[in-house]
Amino acid sequence: MFGFIGTIIGAIFVGGIVGSLARLLLPGKQKMGFGATLSIGFVAALIGGLVAQWLGVGSTSGIDWIKLAIQVGLAVVGVGFYSGWFFKR
């Protein structure tokens, strides 16, 4: 419906939410700014949307909870690697 530009704008918006959720789910303080959070969330939203489409759960009626879970999971991994959280253990 919105086309390519709408998809990008939606991914930026969802990316901010997904990146912020990822930072909340990781314990401790991550030393990164909002730009890095938004960028990681944006990439996770795009890749997570593609994975959800591939799995056949990308477009459902209502809220796509499985797609959102995939996106947040990818963002947690991205934030963890960016902030070095995985290497602190």
PDB file of N, CA and C in Angstrom:
ATOM      1  N   MET A   1       0.815  -1.187   0.000  1.00  0.00           N
ATOM      2  CA  MET A   1       0.000   0.000   0.000  1.00  0.00           C
ATOM      3  C   MET A   1       0.861   1.254   0.000  1.00  0.00           C
ATOM      4  N   PHE A   2       1.866   1.307   0.854  1.00  0.00           N
ATOM      5  CA  PHE A   2       2.686   2.501   0.968  1.00  0.00           C
ATOM      6  C   PHE A   2       3.865   2.495   0.008  1.00  0.00           C
ATOM      7  N   GLY A   3       4.240   1.351  -0.479  1.00  0.00           N
ATOM      8  CA  GLY A   3       5.372   1.263  -1.379  1.00  0.00           C
ATOM      9  C   GLY A   3       6.692   1.236  -0.629  1.00  0.00           C
ATOM     10  N   PHE A   4       7.739   1.458  -1.373  1.00  0.00           N
ATOM     11  CA  PHE A   4       9.094   1.345  -0.838  1.00  0.00           C
ATOM     12  C   PHE A   4       9.381   2.398   0.227  1.00  0.00           C
ATOM     13  N   ILE A   5       8.994   3.645  -0.029  1.00  0.00           N
ATOM     14  CA  ILE A   5       9.256   4.728   0.927  1.00  0.00           C
ATOM     15  C   ILE A   5       8.517   4.475   2.236  1.00  0.00           C
ATOM     16  N   GLY A   6       7.290   4.017   2.154  1.00  0.00           N
ATOM     17  CA  GLY A   6       6.529   3.695   3.358  1.00  0.00           C
ATOM     18  C   GLY A   6       7.158   2.573   4.153  1.00  0.00           C
ATOM     19  N   THR A   7       7.725   1.604   3.455  1.00  0.00           N
ATOM     20  CA  THR A   7       8.410   0.498   4.122  1.00  0.00           C
ATOM     21  C   THR A   7       9.626   1.003   4.886  1.00  0.00           C
ATOM     22  N   ILE A   8      10.395   1.893   4.267  1.00  0.00           N
ATOM     23  CA  ILE A   8      11.586   2.446   4.921  1.00  0.00           C
ATOM     24  C   ILE A   8      11.195   3.291   6.127  1.00  0.00           C
ATOM     25  N   ILE A   9      10.194   4.146   5.976  1.00  0.00           N
ATOM     26  CA  ILE A   9       9.746   4.983   7.095  1.00  0.00           C
ATOM     27  C   ILE A   9       9.203   4.116   8.228  1.00  0.00           C
ATOM     28  N   GLY A  10       8.447   3.098   7.888  1.00  0.00           N
ATOM     29  CA  GLY A  10       7.944   2.172   8.903  1.00  0.00           C
ATOM     30  C   GLY A  10       9.066   1.436   9.612  1.00  0.00           C
ATOM     31  N   ALA A  11      10.098   1.028   8.856  1.00  0.00           N
ATOM     32  CA  ALA A  11      11.231   0.317   9.455  1.00  0.00           C
ATOM     33  C   ALA A  11      12.020   1.233  10.380  1.00  0.00           C
ATOM     34  N   ILE A  12      12.118   2.519  10.052  1.00  0.00           N
ATOM     35  CA  ILE A  12      12.800   3.469  10.940  1.00  0.00           C
ATOM     36  C   ILE A  12      12.016   3.619  12.233  1.00  0.00           C
ATOM     37  N   PHE A  13      10.709   3.780  12.126  1.00  0.00           N
ATOM     38  CA  PHE A  13       9.867   3.921  13.316  1.00  0.00           C
ATOM     39  C   PHE A  13       9.913   2.664  14.175  1.00  0.00           C
ATOM     40  N   VAL A  14       9.692   1.519  13.554  1.00  0.00           N
ATOM     41  CA  VAL A  14       9.728   0.248  14.286  1.00  0.00           C
ATOM     42  C   VAL A  14      11.139  -0.005  14.822  1.00  0.00           C
ATOM     43  N   GLY A  15      12.150   0.394  14.049  1.00  0.00           N
ATOM     44  CA  GLY A  15      13.534   0.208  14.478  1.00  0.00           C
ATOM     45  C   GLY A  15      13.856   0.928  15.768  1.00  0.00           C
ATOM     46  N   GLY A  16      13.323   2.133  15.934  1.00  0.00           N
ATOM     47  CA  GLY A  16      13.536   2.854  17.195  1.00  0.00           C
ATOM     48  C   GLY A  16      12.927   2.122  18.371  1.00  0.00           C
ATOM     49  N   ILE A  17      11.742   1.575  18.166  1.00  0.00           N
ATOM     50  CA  ILE A  17      11.066   0.832  19.236  1.00  0.00           C
ATOM     51  C   ILE A  17      11.793  -0.481  19.508  1.00  0.00           C
ATOM     52  N   VAL A  18      12.135  -1.193  18.443  1.00  0.00           N
ATOM     53  CA  VAL A  18      12.788  -2.497  18.586  1.00  0.00           C
ATOM     54  C   VAL A  18      14.170  -2.336  19.232  1.00  0.00           C
ATOM     55  N   GLY A  19      14.928  -1.330  18.808  1.00  0.00           N
ATOM     56  CA  GLY A  19      16.246  -1.085  19.397  1.00  0.00           C
ATOM     57  C   GLY A  19      16.159  -0.725  20.870  1.00  0.00           C
ATOM     58  N   SER A  20      15.175   0.087  21.212  1.00  0.00           N
ATOM     59  CA  SER A  20      14.984   0.459  22.614  1.00  0.00           C
ATOM     60  C   SER A  20      14.580  -0.741  23.462  1.00  0.00           C
ATOM     61  N   LEU A  21      13.697  -1.584  22.934  1.00  0.00           N
ATOM     62  CA  LEU A  21      13.318  -2.805  23.654  1.00  0.00           C
ATOM     63  C   LEU A  21      14.516  -3.722  23.861  1.00  0.00           C
ATOM     64  N   ALA A  22      15.367  -3.807  22.849  1.00  0.00           N
ATOM     65  CA  ALA A  22      16.554  -4.658  22.964  1.00  0.00           C
ATOM     66  C   ALA A  22      17.465  -4.161  24.076  1.00  0.00           C
ATOM     67  N   ARG A  23      17.643  -2.846  24.170  1.00  0.00           N
ATOM     68  CA  ARG A  23      18.487  -2.301  25.236  1.00  0.00           C
ATOM     69  C   ARG A  23      17.877  -2.541  26.611  1.00  0.00           C
ATOM     70  N   LEU A  24      16.547  -2.517  26.688  1.00  0.00           N
ATOM     71  CA  LEU A  24      15.889  -2.786  27.963  1.00  0.00           C
ATOM     72  C   LEU A  24      16.030  -4.250  28.373  1.00  0.00           C
ATOM     73  N   LEU A  25      16.056  -5.151  27.402  1.00  0.00           N
ATOM     74  CA  LEU A  25      16.129  -6.580  27.709  1.00  0.00           C
ATOM     75  C   LEU A  25      17.529  -7.031  28.111  1.00  0.00           C
ATOM     76  N   LEU A  26      18.560  -6.335  27.638  1.00  0.00           N
ATOM     77  CA  LEU A  26      19.919  -6.715  28.017  1.00  0.00           C
ATOM     78  C   LEU A  26      20.240  -6.139  29.394  1.00  0.00           C
ATOM     79  N   PRO A  27      20.785  -6.958  30.290  1.00  0.00           N
ATOM     80  CA  PRO A  27      21.119  -6.436  31.612  1.00  0.00           C
ATOM     81  C   PRO A  27      22.314  -5.489  31.547  1.00  0.00           C
ATOM     82  N   GLY A  28      22.351  -4.564  32.488  1.00  0.00           N
ATOM     83  CA  GLY A  28      23.467  -3.623  32.550  1.00  0.00           C
ATOM     84  C   GLY A  28      23.250  -2.421  31.657  1.00  0.00           C
ATOM     85  N   LYS A  29      24.261  -1.565  31.642  1.00  0.00           N
ATOM     86  CA  LYS A  29      24.190  -0.336  30.846  1.00  0.00           C
ATOM     87  C   LYS A  29      25.008  -0.506  29.582  1.00  0.00           C
ATOM     88  N   GLN A  30      24.409  -0.190  28.463  1.00  0.00           N
ATOM     89  CA  GLN A  30      25.114  -0.252  27.195  1.00  0.00           C
ATOM     90  C   GLN A  30      25.575   1.164  26.852  1.00  0.00           C
ATOM     91  N   LYS A  31      26.852   1.299  26.551  1.00  0.00           N
ATOM     92  CA  LYS A  31      27.401   2.613  26.216  1.00  0.00           C
ATOM     93  C   LYS A  31      27.256   2.844  24.724  1.00  0.00           C
ATOM     94  N   MET A  32      26.077   3.323  24.343  1.00  0.00           N
ATOM     95  CA  MET A  32      25.792   3.616  22.950  1.00  0.00           C
ATOM     96  C   MET A  32      24.726   4.693  22.895  1.00  0.00           C
ATOM     97  N   GLY A  33      24.750   5.476  21.846  1.00  0.00           N
ATOM     98  CA  GLY A  33      23.805   6.557  21.703  1.00  0.00           C
ATOM     99  C   GLY A  33      22.527   6.134  21.010  1.00  0.00           C
ATOM    100  N   PHE A  34      21.641   7.134  20.851  1.00  0.00           N
ATOM    101  CA  PHE A  34      20.361   6.858  20.209  1.00  0.00           C
ATOM    102  C   PHE A  34      20.537   6.513  18.737  1.00  0.00           C
ATOM    103  N   GLY A  35      21.520   7.115  18.085  1.00  0.00           N
ATOM    104  CA  GLY A  35      21.758   6.822  16.665  1.00  0.00           C
ATOM    105  C   GLY A  35      22.123   5.365  16.441  1.00  0.00           C
ATOM    106  N   ALA A  36      22.979   4.834  17.303  1.00  0.00           N
ATOM    107  CA  ALA A  36      23.372   3.432  17.193  1.00  0.00           C
ATOM    108  C   ALA A  36      22.186   2.530  17.511  1.00  0.00           C
ATOM    109  N   THR A  37      21.403   2.905  18.513  1.00  0.00           N
ATOM    110  CA  THR A  37      20.222   2.128  18.867  1.00  0.00           C
ATOM    111  C   THR A  37      19.234   2.097  17.705  1.00  0.00           C
ATOM    112  N   LEU A  38      19.002   3.259  17.092  1.00  0.00           N
ATOM    113  CA  LEU A  38      18.088   3.351  15.965  1.00  0.00           C
ATOM    114  C   LEU A  38      18.609   2.563  14.765  1.00  0.00           C
ATOM    115  N   SER A  39      19.903   2.654  14.494  1.00  0.00           N
ATOM    116  CA  SER A  39      20.487   1.944  13.346  1.00  0.00           C
ATOM    117  C   SER A  39      20.378   0.436  13.511  1.00  0.00           C
ATOM    118  N   ILE A  40      20.722  -0.054  14.693  1.00  0.00           N
ATOM    119  CA  ILE A  40      20.638  -1.489  14.954  1.00  0.00           C
ATOM    120  C   ILE A  40      19.184  -1.950  14.896  1.00  0.00           C
ATOM    121  N   GLY A  41      18.279  -1.168  15.467  1.00  0.00           N
ATOM    122  CA  GLY A  41      16.862  -1.503  15.415  1.00  0.00           C
ATOM    123  C   GLY A  41      16.321  -1.489  14.000  1.00  0.00           C
ATOM    124  N   PHE A  42      16.770  -0.535  13.174  1.00  0.00           N
ATOM    125  CA  PHE A  42      16.351  -0.438  11.777  1.00  0.00           C
ATOM    126  C   PHE A  42      16.766  -1.680  11.000  1.00  0.00           C
ATOM    127  N   VAL A  43      18.026  -2.069  11.149  1.00  0.00           N
ATOM    128  CA  VAL A  43      18.523  -3.261  10.445  1.00  0.00           C
ATOM    129  C   VAL A  43      17.788  -4.510  10.942  1.00  0.00           C
ATOM    130  N   ALA A  44      17.589  -4.601  12.256  1.00  0.00           N
ATOM    131  CA  ALA A  44      16.877  -5.757  12.819  1.00  0.00           C
ATOM    132  C   ALA A  44      15.429  -5.795  12.331  1.00  0.00           C
ATOM    133  N   ALA A  45      14.795  -4.626  12.187  1.00  0.00           N
ATOM    134  CA  ALA A  45      13.418  -4.582  11.703  1.00  0.00           C
ATOM    135  C   ALA A  45      13.338  -5.048  10.254  1.00  0.00           C
ATOM    136  N   LEU A  46      14.285  -4.613   9.426  1.00  0.00           N
ATOM    137  CA  LEU A  46      14.270  -5.038   8.027  1.00  0.00           C
ATOM    138  C   LEU A  46      14.553  -6.532   7.880  1.00  0.00           C
ATOM    139  N   ILE A  47      15.618  -7.007   8.539  1.00  0.00           N
ATOM    140  CA  ILE A  47      15.982  -8.420   8.434  1.00  0.00           C
ATOM    141  C   ILE A  47      14.906  -9.297   9.085  1.00  0.00           C
ATOM    142  N   GLY A  48      14.402  -8.864  10.230  1.00  0.00           N
ATOM    143  CA  GLY A  48      13.345  -9.627  10.901  1.00  0.00           C
ATOM    144  C   GLY A  48      12.080  -9.716  10.074  1.00  0.00           C
ATOM    145  N   GLY A  49      11.748  -8.640   9.358  1.00  0.00           N
ATOM    146  CA  GLY A  49      10.593  -8.671   8.469  1.00  0.00           C
ATOM    147  C   GLY A  49      10.789  -9.645   7.332  1.00  0.00           C
ATOM    148  N   LEU A  50      11.997  -9.677   6.779  1.00  0.00           N
ATOM    149  CA  LEU A  50      12.296 -10.628   5.707  1.00  0.00           C
ATOM    150  C   LEU A  50      12.239 -12.071   6.198  1.00  0.00           C
ATOM    151  N   VAL A  51      12.794 -12.317   7.384  1.00  0.00           N
ATOM    152  CA  VAL A  51      12.759 -13.668   7.958  1.00  0.00           C
ATOM    153  C   VAL A  51      11.316 -14.092   8.228  1.00  0.00           C
ATOM    154  N   ALA A  52      10.516 -13.166   8.759  1.00  0.00           N
ATOM    155  CA  ALA A  52       9.116 -13.489   9.039  1.00  0.00           C
ATOM    156  C   ALA A  52       8.359 -13.801   7.748  1.00  0.00           C
ATOM    157  N   GLN A  53       8.623 -13.056   6.679  1.00  0.00           N
ATOM    158  CA  GLN A  53       7.987 -13.347   5.395  1.00  0.00           C
ATOM    159  C   GLN A  53       8.417 -14.723   4.891  1.00  0.00           C
ATOM    160  N   TRP A  54       9.698 -15.019   5.043  1.00  0.00           N
ATOM    161  CA  TRP A  54      10.222 -16.315   4.607  1.00  0.00           C
ATOM    162  C   TRP A  54       9.566 -17.458   5.367  1.00  0.00           C
ATOM    163  N   LEU A  55       9.298 -17.234   6.671  1.00  0.00           N
ATOM    164  CA  LEU A  55       8.653 -18.265   7.493  1.00  0.00           C
ATOM    165  C   LEU A  55       7.137 -18.306   7.287  1.00  0.00           C
ATOM    166  N   GLY A  56       6.601 -17.311   6.580  1.00  0.00           N
ATOM    167  CA  GLY A  56       5.170 -17.280   6.329  1.00  0.00           C
ATOM    168  C   GLY A  56       4.343 -16.642   7.424  1.00  0.00           C
ATOM    169  N   VAL A  57       4.972 -15.886   8.320  1.00  0.00           N
ATOM    170  CA  VAL A  57       4.243 -15.247   9.416  1.00  0.00           C
ATOM    171  C   VAL A  57       4.397 -13.725   9.384  1.00  0.00           C
ATOM    172  N   GLY A  58       4.810 -13.192   8.246  1.00  0.00           N
ATOM    173  CA  GLY A  58       5.081 -11.762   8.150  1.00  0.00           C
ATOM    174  C   GLY A  58       3.848 -10.901   8.030  1.00  0.00           C
ATOM    175  N   SER A  59       2.794 -11.414   7.464  1.00  0.00           N
ATOM    176  CA  SER A  59       1.574 -10.623   7.268  1.00  0.00           C
ATOM    177  C   SER A  59       0.385 -11.392   7.817  1.00  0.00           C
ATOM    178  N   THR A  60      -0.099 -10.936   8.938  1.00  0.00           N
ATOM    179  CA  THR A  60      -1.274 -11.545   9.550  1.00  0.00           C
ATOM    180  C   THR A  60      -2.291 -10.448   9.811  1.00  0.00           C
ATOM    181  N   SER A  61      -3.504 -10.823  10.132  1.00  0.00           N
ATOM    182  CA  SER A  61      -4.479  -9.804  10.508  1.00  0.00           C
ATOM    183  C   SER A  61      -4.202  -9.418  11.963  1.00  0.00           C
ATOM    184  N   GLY A  62      -4.116  -8.153  12.218  1.00  0.00           N
ATOM    185  CA  GLY A  62      -3.804  -7.686  13.567  1.00  0.00           C
ATOM    186  C   GLY A  62      -2.314  -7.424  13.725  1.00  0.00           C
ATOM    187  N   ILE A  63      -1.846  -7.533  14.931  1.00  0.00           N
ATOM    188  CA  ILE A  63      -0.435  -7.277  15.232  1.00  0.00           C
ATOM    189  C   ILE A  63       0.369  -8.539  14.941  1.00  0.00           C
ATOM    190  N   ASP A  64       1.472  -8.378  14.263  1.00  0.00           N
ATOM    191  CA  ASP A  64       2.338  -9.512  13.915  1.00  0.00           C
ATOM    192  C   ASP A  64       3.305  -9.786  15.069  1.00  0.00           C
ATOM    193  N   TRP A  65       2.837 -10.517  16.070  1.00  0.00           N
ATOM    194  CA  TRP A  65       3.636 -10.747  17.279  1.00  0.00           C
ATOM    195  C   TRP A  65       4.876 -11.578  16.997  1.00  0.00           C
ATOM    196  N   ILE A  66       4.772 -12.561  16.136  1.00  0.00           N
ATOM    197  CA  ILE A  66       5.930 -13.408  15.833  1.00  0.00           C
ATOM    198  C   ILE A  66       6.992 -12.598  15.106  1.00  0.00           C
ATOM    199  N   LYS A  67       6.579 -11.765  14.159  1.00  0.00           N
ATOM    200  CA  LYS A  67       7.530 -10.911  13.445  1.00  0.00           C
ATOM    201  C   LYS A  67       8.199  -9.949  14.412  1.00  0.00           C
ATOM    202  N   LEU A  68       7.438  -9.378  15.333  1.00  0.00           N
ATOM    203  CA  LEU A  68       7.999  -8.461  16.323  1.00  0.00           C
ATOM    204  C   LEU A  68       9.002  -9.172  17.223  1.00  0.00           C
ATOM    205  N   ALA A  69       8.702 -10.397  17.622  1.00  0.00           N
ATOM    206  CA  ALA A  69       9.623 -11.164  18.461  1.00  0.00           C
ATOM    207  C   ALA A  69      10.932 -11.455  17.721  1.00  0.00           C
ATOM    208  N   ILE A  70      10.831 -11.773  16.439  1.00  0.00           N
ATOM    209  CA  ILE A  70      12.032 -12.014  15.633  1.00  0.00           C
ATOM    210  C   ILE A  70      12.862 -10.739  15.540  1.00  0.00           C
ATOM    211  N   GLN A  71      12.202  -9.610  15.306  1.00  0.00           N
ATOM    212  CA  GLN A  71      12.902  -8.338  15.190  1.00  0.00           C
ATOM    213  C   GLN A  71      13.592  -7.955  16.496  1.00  0.00           C
ATOM    214  N   VAL A  72      12.907  -8.115  17.609  1.00  0.00           N
ATOM    215  CA  VAL A  72      13.506  -7.785  18.909  1.00  0.00           C
ATOM    216  C   VAL A  72      14.665  -8.725  19.210  1.00  0.00           C
ATOM    217  N   GLY A  73      14.508 -10.011  18.903  1.00  0.00           N
ATOM    218  CA  GLY A  73      15.605 -10.961  19.116  1.00  0.00           C
ATOM    219  C   GLY A  73      16.846 -10.598  18.321  1.00  0.00           C
ATOM    220  N   LEU A  74      16.657 -10.223  17.060  1.00  0.00           N
ATOM    221  CA  LEU A  74      17.794  -9.798  16.245  1.00  0.00           C
ATOM    222  C   LEU A  74      18.414  -8.514  16.787  1.00  0.00           C
ATOM    223  N   ALA A  75      17.578  -7.601  17.272  1.00  0.00           N
ATOM    224  CA  ALA A  75      18.096  -6.356  17.837  1.00  0.00           C
ATOM    225  C   ALA A  75      18.878  -6.616  19.129  1.00  0.00           C
ATOM    226  N   VAL A  76      18.424  -7.559  19.944  1.00  0.00           N
ATOM    227  CA  VAL A  76      19.165  -7.901  21.168  1.00  0.00           C
ATOM    228  C   VAL A  76      20.557  -8.417  20.802  1.00  0.00           C
ATOM    229  N   VAL A  77      20.622  -9.265  19.797  1.00  0.00           N
ATOM    230  CA  VAL A  77      21.919  -9.769  19.346  1.00  0.00           C
ATOM    231  C   VAL A  77      22.784  -8.622  18.826  1.00  0.00           C
ATOM    232  N   GLY A  78      22.195  -7.738  18.034  1.00  0.00           N
ATOM    233  CA  GLY A  78      22.943  -6.605  17.482  1.00  0.00           C
ATOM    234  C   GLY A  78      23.448  -5.662  18.560  1.00  0.00           C
ATOM    235  N   VAL A  79      22.596  -5.317  19.514  1.00  0.00           N
ATOM    236  CA  VAL A  79      23.003  -4.430  20.611  1.00  0.00           C
ATOM    237  C   VAL A  79      24.057  -5.119  21.469  1.00  0.00           C
ATOM    238  N   GLY A  80      23.892  -6.410  21.695  1.00  0.00           N
ATOM    239  CA  GLY A  80      24.874  -7.151  22.491  1.00  0.00           C
ATOM    240  C   GLY A  80      26.247  -7.152  21.855  1.00  0.00           C
ATOM    241  N   PHE A  81      26.310  -7.359  20.555  1.00  0.00           N
ATOM    242  CA  PHE A  81      27.596  -7.338  19.864  1.00  0.00           C
ATOM    243  C   PHE A  81      28.169  -5.929  19.803  1.00  0.00           C
ATOM    244  N   TYR A  82      27.322  -4.934  19.519  1.00  0.00           N
ATOM    245  CA  TYR A  82      27.804  -3.558  19.406  1.00  0.00           C
ATOM    246  C   TYR A  82      28.376  -3.054  20.722  1.00  0.00           C
ATOM    247  N   SER A  83      27.679  -3.343  21.810  1.00  0.00           N
ATOM    248  CA  SER A  83      28.124  -2.850  23.112  1.00  0.00           C
ATOM    249  C   SER A  83      29.160  -3.732  23.770  1.00  0.00           C
ATOM    250  N   GLY A  84      29.473  -4.869  23.156  1.00  0.00           N
ATOM    251  CA  GLY A  84      30.467  -5.774  23.717  1.00  0.00           C
ATOM    252  C   GLY A  84      29.934  -6.625  24.852  1.00  0.00           C
ATOM    253  N   TRP A  85      28.619  -6.672  25.021  1.00  0.00           N
ATOM    254  CA  TRP A  85      28.032  -7.414  26.110  1.00  0.00           C
ATOM    255  C   TRP A  85      28.358  -8.895  26.044  1.00  0.00           C
ATOM    256  N   PHE A  86      28.360  -9.474  24.848  1.00  0.00           N
ATOM    257  CA  PHE A  86      28.653 -10.892  24.699  1.00  0.00           C
ATOM    258  C   PHE A  86      30.094 -11.228  25.027  1.00  0.00           C
ATOM    259  N   PHE A  87      30.977 -10.253  24.908  1.00  0.00           N
ATOM    260  CA  PHE A  87      32.408 -10.500  25.131  1.00  0.00           C
ATOM    261  C   PHE A  87      32.807 -10.265  26.585  1.00  0.00           C
ATOM    262  N   LYS A  88      31.917  -9.692  27.399  1.00  0.00           N
ATOM    263  CA  LYS A  88      32.211  -9.440  28.804  1.00  0.00           C
ATOM    264  C   LYS A  88      32.078 -10.681  29.660  1.00  0.00           C
ATOM    265  N   ARG A  89      31.436 -11.688  29.158  1.00  0.00           N
ATOM    266  CA  ARG A  89      31.156 -12.893  29.959  1.00  0.00           C
ATOM    267  C   ARG A  89      32.356 -13.776  30.034  1.00  0.00           C
TER     268      ARG A  89
END
